Amino acid sequence: MKKVTVYTDGACRGNPGVGGWGAILSYAGVEKELSGGEMETTNNRMELSAAIFALEALKEPCEVTLYTDSKYLSDAVTLGWLEGWRQRGWRRGKNERVLNPDLWERLYGLLTRHSVTFVWVKGHADNPYNCRCDALATAYADSLKANASQSIE
């Protein structure tokens, strides 16, 4: 299996608000940047979207080390919450509905395709890849916001 390194980040201008996500995929010395976003979303949806779109970009099953500054994302996978939520029909403790079940279901499918190790990094600190992903995410969110305001005028 190919070993791929992925860095991800999500951003939101307001929460909810205009959001963006950024990802960098690195394999054999080659890097690829991805970004996207939505007009009305949350930061957590953008964090999940970054991981999903990065993993979906891989053309074959890979061994992936995925770096994220989202405890929501990393803890859900590494602490087993995702598996428990899925087994309980996207419910968590006290029978509360899990937020973003559509994205968690997509991510779950990708985690069965790829061998993914999640690594939490402190956001916007000393990791240049995390900082670059943040710049991709915020730039995309800002471009959506600018385009929306231009179309209103």
C-alpha atoms as a PDB file:
ATOM      1  CA  MET A   1       0.000   0.000   0.000  1.00  0.00           C
ATOM      2  CA  LYS A   2       1.171   3.504  -0.791  1.00  0.00           C
ATOM      3  CA  LYS A   3       1.953   5.644   2.262  1.00  0.00           C
ATOM      4  CA  VAL A   4       0.355   9.072   2.012  1.00  0.00           C
ATOM      5  CA  THR A   5       0.523  11.986   4.437  1.00  0.00           C
ATOM      6  CA  VAL A   6      -2.517  14.250   4.653  1.00  0.00           C
ATOM      7  CA  TYR A   7      -2.940  17.554   6.454  1.00  0.00           C
ATOM      8  CA  THR A   8      -6.409  19.081   6.856  1.00  0.00           C
ATOM      9  CA  ASP A   9      -8.148  22.096   8.321  1.00  0.00           C
ATOM     10  CA  GLY A  10     -11.547  23.728   8.277  1.00  0.00           C
ATOM     11  CA  ALA A  11     -12.602  27.318   8.836  1.00  0.00           C
ATOM     12  CA  CYS A  12     -15.846  29.191   9.230  1.00  0.00           C
ATOM     13  CA  ARG A  13     -16.704  32.898   9.052  1.00  0.00           C
ATOM     14  CA  GLY A  14     -19.365  32.772  11.725  1.00  0.00           C
ATOM     15  CA  ASN A  15     -20.516  29.466  13.140  1.00  0.00           C
ATOM     16  CA  PRO A  16     -22.726  28.780  11.315  1.00  0.00           C
ATOM     17  CA  GLY A  17     -21.604  30.874   8.414  1.00  0.00           C
ATOM     18  CA  VAL A  18     -19.551  30.785   5.251  1.00  0.00           C
ATOM     19  CA  GLY A  19     -16.973  28.034   5.545  1.00  0.00           C
ATOM     20  CA  GLY A  20     -13.980  26.571   3.819  1.00  0.00           C
ATOM     21  CA  TRP A  21     -11.724  23.566   4.095  1.00  0.00           C
ATOM     22  CA  GLY A  22      -8.179  22.900   2.968  1.00  0.00           C
ATOM     23  CA  ALA A  23      -6.092  19.767   2.573  1.00  0.00           C
ATOM     24  CA  ILE A  24      -2.596  18.869   1.473  1.00  0.00           C
ATOM     25  CA  LEU A  25      -1.786  15.366   0.261  1.00  0.00           C
ATOM     26  CA  SER A  26       1.855  14.309   0.135  1.00  0.00           C
ATOM     27  CA  TYR A  27       3.185  11.170  -1.549  1.00  0.00           C
ATOM     28  CA  ALA A  28       6.706  10.374  -2.741  1.00  0.00           C
ATOM     29  CA  GLY A  29       7.787  14.006  -2.581  1.00  0.00           C
ATOM     30  CA  VAL A  30       4.772  15.304  -4.519  1.00  0.00           C
ATOM     31  CA  GLU A  31       2.213  17.539  -2.840  1.00  0.00           C
ATOM     32  CA  LYS A  32      -1.330  18.332  -3.929  1.00  0.00           C
ATOM     33  CA  GLU A  33      -3.471  21.069  -2.406  1.00  0.00           C
ATOM     34  CA  LEU A  34      -7.263  20.849  -2.294  1.00  0.00           C
ATOM     35  CA  SER A  35      -9.876  23.285  -1.011  1.00  0.00           C
ATOM     36  CA  GLY A  36     -13.604  23.850  -1.048  1.00  0.00           C
ATOM     37  CA  GLY A  37     -16.405  25.188   1.066  1.00  0.00           C
ATOM     38  CA  GLU A  38     -20.065  25.967   1.604  1.00  0.00           C
ATOM     39  CA  MET A  39     -22.123  29.106   2.027  1.00  0.00           C
ATOM     40  CA  GLU A  40     -23.961  28.050   5.202  1.00  0.00           C
ATOM     41  CA  THR A  41     -22.072  25.571   7.358  1.00  0.00           C
ATOM     42  CA  THR A  42     -20.213  25.030  10.614  1.00  0.00           C
ATOM     43  CA  ASN A  43     -16.558  24.715  11.485  1.00  0.00           C
ATOM     44  CA  ASN A  44     -17.003  21.048  12.422  1.00  0.00           C
ATOM     45  CA  ARG A  45     -18.579  20.286   9.031  1.00  0.00           C
ATOM     46  CA  MET A  46     -15.598  21.920   7.336  1.00  0.00           C
ATOM     47  CA  GLU A  47     -13.117  19.926   9.449  1.00  0.00           C
ATOM     48  CA  LEU A  48     -14.893  16.708   8.460  1.00  0.00           C
ATOM     49  CA  SER A  49     -15.158  17.787   4.821  1.00  0.00           C
ATOM     50  CA  ALA A  50     -11.414  18.405   4.619  1.00  0.00           C
ATOM     51  CA  ALA A  51     -10.679  14.846   5.723  1.00  0.00           C
ATOM     52  CA  ILE A  52     -13.389  13.357   3.491  1.00  0.00           C
ATOM     53  CA  PHE A  53     -12.354  15.157   0.310  1.00  0.00           C
ATOM     54  CA  ALA A  54      -8.679  14.391   0.937  1.00  0.00           C
ATOM     55  CA  LEU A  55      -9.387  10.676   1.377  1.00  0.00           C
ATOM     56  CA  GLU A  56     -11.756  10.645  -1.609  1.00  0.00           C
ATOM     57  CA  ALA A  57      -8.954  12.089  -3.760  1.00  0.00           C
ATOM     58  CA  LEU A  58      -6.907   8.910  -3.296  1.00  0.00           C
ATOM     59  CA  LYS A  59      -7.381   6.665  -6.312  1.00  0.00           C
ATOM     60  CA  GLU A  60      -6.575   3.394  -4.538  1.00  0.00           C
ATOM     61  CA  PRO A  61      -6.494   2.095  -0.958  1.00  0.00           C
ATOM     62  CA  CYS A  62      -3.612   3.724   0.904  1.00  0.00           C
ATOM     63  CA  GLU A  63      -1.937   3.801   4.284  1.00  0.00           C
ATOM     64  CA  VAL A  64      -2.637   7.354   5.427  1.00  0.00           C
ATOM     65  CA  THR A  65      -1.347   9.465   8.272  1.00  0.00           C
ATOM     66  CA  LEU A  66      -3.871  12.284   8.606  1.00  0.00           C
ATOM     67  CA  TYR A  67      -2.953  15.370  10.630  1.00  0.00           C
ATOM     68  CA  THR A  68      -5.806  17.522  11.949  1.00  0.00           C
ATOM     69  CA  ASP A  69      -6.204  20.242  14.545  1.00  0.00           C
ATOM     70  CA  SER A  70      -9.793  19.126  15.174  1.00  0.00           C
ATOM     71  CA  LYS A  71     -10.218  17.207  18.432  1.00  0.00           C
ATOM     72  CA  TYR A  72     -13.813  16.575  17.301  1.00  0.00           C
ATOM     73  CA  LEU A  73     -12.519  14.643  14.296  1.00  0.00           C
ATOM     74  CA  SER A  74      -9.464  12.959  15.784  1.00  0.00           C
ATOM     75  CA  ASP A  75     -11.128  11.920  19.057  1.00  0.00           C
ATOM     76  CA  ALA A  76     -14.232  10.597  17.309  1.00  0.00           C
ATOM     77  CA  VAL A  77     -12.079   8.161  15.358  1.00  0.00           C
ATOM     78  CA  THR A  78      -9.211   7.355  17.727  1.00  0.00           C
ATOM     79  CA  LEU A  79     -11.356   7.027  20.869  1.00  0.00           C
ATOM     80  CA  GLY A  80     -13.925   4.837  19.126  1.00  0.00           C
ATOM     81  CA  TRP A  81     -16.829   7.291  19.305  1.00  0.00           C
ATOM     82  CA  LEU A  82     -17.475   6.980  15.558  1.00  0.00           C
ATOM     83  CA  GLU A  83     -17.935   3.230  15.737  1.00  0.00           C
ATOM     84  CA  GLY A  84     -20.227   3.542  18.752  1.00  0.00           C
ATOM     85  CA  TRP A  85     -22.320   6.274  17.139  1.00  0.00           C
ATOM     86  CA  ARG A  86     -22.733   4.187  14.017  1.00  0.00           C
ATOM     87  CA  GLN A  87     -23.747   1.084  15.971  1.00  0.00           C
ATOM     88  CA  ARG A  88     -26.355   3.133  17.862  1.00  0.00           C
ATOM     89  CA  GLY A  89     -27.889   4.577  14.680  1.00  0.00           C
ATOM     90  CA  TRP A  90     -25.999   7.875  14.916  1.00  0.00           C
ATOM     91  CA  ARG A  91     -26.956   8.417  18.541  1.00  0.00           C
ATOM     92  CA  ARG A  92     -24.625   9.283  21.393  1.00  0.00           C
ATOM     93  CA  GLY A  93     -25.011   9.271  25.174  1.00  0.00           C
ATOM     94  CA  LYS A  94     -28.474  10.058  26.548  1.00  0.00           C
ATOM     95  CA  ASN A  95     -29.853   9.034  23.132  1.00  0.00           C
ATOM     96  CA  GLU A  96     -28.901  12.406  21.624  1.00  0.00           C
ATOM     97  CA  ARG A  97     -28.625  12.668  17.865  1.00  0.00           C
ATOM     98  CA  VAL A  98     -25.063  12.888  16.535  1.00  0.00           C
ATOM     99  CA  LEU A  99     -24.456  16.059  14.543  1.00  0.00           C
ATOM    100  CA  ASN A 100     -23.326  15.685  10.922  1.00  0.00           C
ATOM    101  CA  PRO A 101     -24.303  12.009  10.470  1.00  0.00           C
ATOM    102  CA  ASP A 102     -24.136  12.407   6.670  1.00  0.00           C
ATOM    103  CA  LEU A 103     -20.462  13.326   6.856  1.00  0.00           C
ATOM    104  CA  TRP A 104     -19.623  10.756   9.513  1.00  0.00           C
ATOM    105  CA  GLU A 105     -21.161   8.033   7.316  1.00  0.00           C
ATOM    106  CA  ARG A 106     -19.049   9.154   4.339  1.00  0.00           C
ATOM    107  CA  LEU A 107     -15.931   9.227   6.493  1.00  0.00           C
ATOM    108  CA  TYR A 108     -16.685   5.794   7.917  1.00  0.00           C
ATOM    109  CA  GLY A 109     -16.821   4.338   4.415  1.00  0.00           C
ATOM    110  CA  LEU A 110     -13.460   5.887   3.587  1.00  0.00           C
ATOM    111  CA  LEU A 111     -11.932   4.514   6.785  1.00  0.00           C
ATOM    112  CA  THR A 112     -12.902   1.026   5.655  1.00  0.00           C
ATOM    113  CA  ARG A 113     -11.159   1.633   2.301  1.00  0.00           C
ATOM    114  CA  HIS A 114      -7.957   3.187   3.629  1.00  0.00           C
ATOM    115  CA  SER A 115      -5.799   2.430   6.649  1.00  0.00           C
ATOM    116  CA  VAL A 116      -5.874   5.824   8.384  1.00  0.00           C
ATOM    117  CA  THR A 117      -3.968   6.947  11.452  1.00  0.00           C
ATOM    118  CA  PHE A 118      -5.209  10.256  12.871  1.00  0.00           C
ATOM    119  CA  VAL A 119      -2.724  12.611  14.503  1.00  0.00           C
ATOM    120  CA  TRP A 120      -3.920  15.683  16.373  1.00  0.00           C
ATOM    121  CA  VAL A 121      -1.757  18.812  16.036  1.00  0.00           C
ATOM    122  CA  LYS A 122      -2.142  22.125  17.809  1.00  0.00           C
ATOM    123  CA  GLY A 123      -3.905  24.456  15.391  1.00  0.00           C
ATOM    124  CA  HIS A 124      -2.179  27.414  13.799  1.00  0.00           C
ATOM    125  CA  ALA A 125       0.915  26.895  15.903  1.00  0.00           C
ATOM    126  CA  ASP A 126       4.244  25.618  14.636  1.00  0.00           C
ATOM    127  CA  ASN A 127       3.144  23.187  11.925  1.00  0.00           C
ATOM    128  CA  PRO A 128       3.616  24.830   8.518  1.00  0.00           C
ATOM    129  CA  TYR A 129       1.288  22.345   6.797  1.00  0.00           C
ATOM    130  CA  ASN A 130      -1.503  23.027   9.269  1.00  0.00           C
ATOM    131  CA  CYS A 131      -0.984  26.753   8.754  1.00  0.00           C
ATOM    132  CA  ARG A 132      -1.108  26.290   4.972  1.00  0.00           C
ATOM    133  CA  CYS A 133      -4.331  24.263   5.232  1.00  0.00           C
ATOM    134  CA  ASP A 134      -5.820  27.037   7.362  1.00  0.00           C
ATOM    135  CA  ALA A 135      -4.827  29.573   4.707  1.00  0.00           C
ATOM    136  CA  LEU A 136      -6.469  27.429   1.989  1.00  0.00           C
ATOM    137  CA  ALA A 137      -9.650  27.051   4.051  1.00  0.00           C
ATOM    138  CA  THR A 138      -9.977  30.708   4.996  1.00  0.00           C
ATOM    139  CA  ALA A 139      -9.171  31.893   1.472  1.00  0.00           C
ATOM    140  CA  TYR A 140     -11.910  29.661   0.063  1.00  0.00           C
ATOM    141  CA  ALA A 141     -14.433  30.860   2.661  1.00  0.00           C
ATOM    142  CA  ASP A 142     -13.499  34.473   1.971  1.00  0.00           C
ATOM    143  CA  SER A 143     -13.864  33.964  -1.794  1.00  0.00           C
ATOM    144  CA  LEU A 144     -17.347  32.475  -1.298  1.00  0.00           C
ATOM    145  CA  LYS A 145     -18.323  35.393   0.908  1.00  0.00           C
ATOM    146  CA  ALA A 146     -16.939  37.948  -1.583  1.00  0.00           C
ATOM    147  CA  ASN A 147     -18.695  36.300  -4.526  1.00  0.00           C
ATOM    148  CA  ALA A 148     -21.983  36.196  -2.623  1.00  0.00           C
ATOM    149  CA  SER A 149     -21.791  39.872  -1.715  1.00  0.00           C
ATOM    150  CA  GLN A 150     -20.950  40.820  -5.335  1.00  0.00           C
ATOM    151  CA  SER A 151     -23.956  38.912  -6.663  1.00  0.00           C
ATOM    152  CA  ILE A 152     -26.238  40.738  -4.218  1.00  0.00           C
ATOM    153  CA  GLU A 153     -25.098  44.187  -5.351  1.00  0.00           C
END
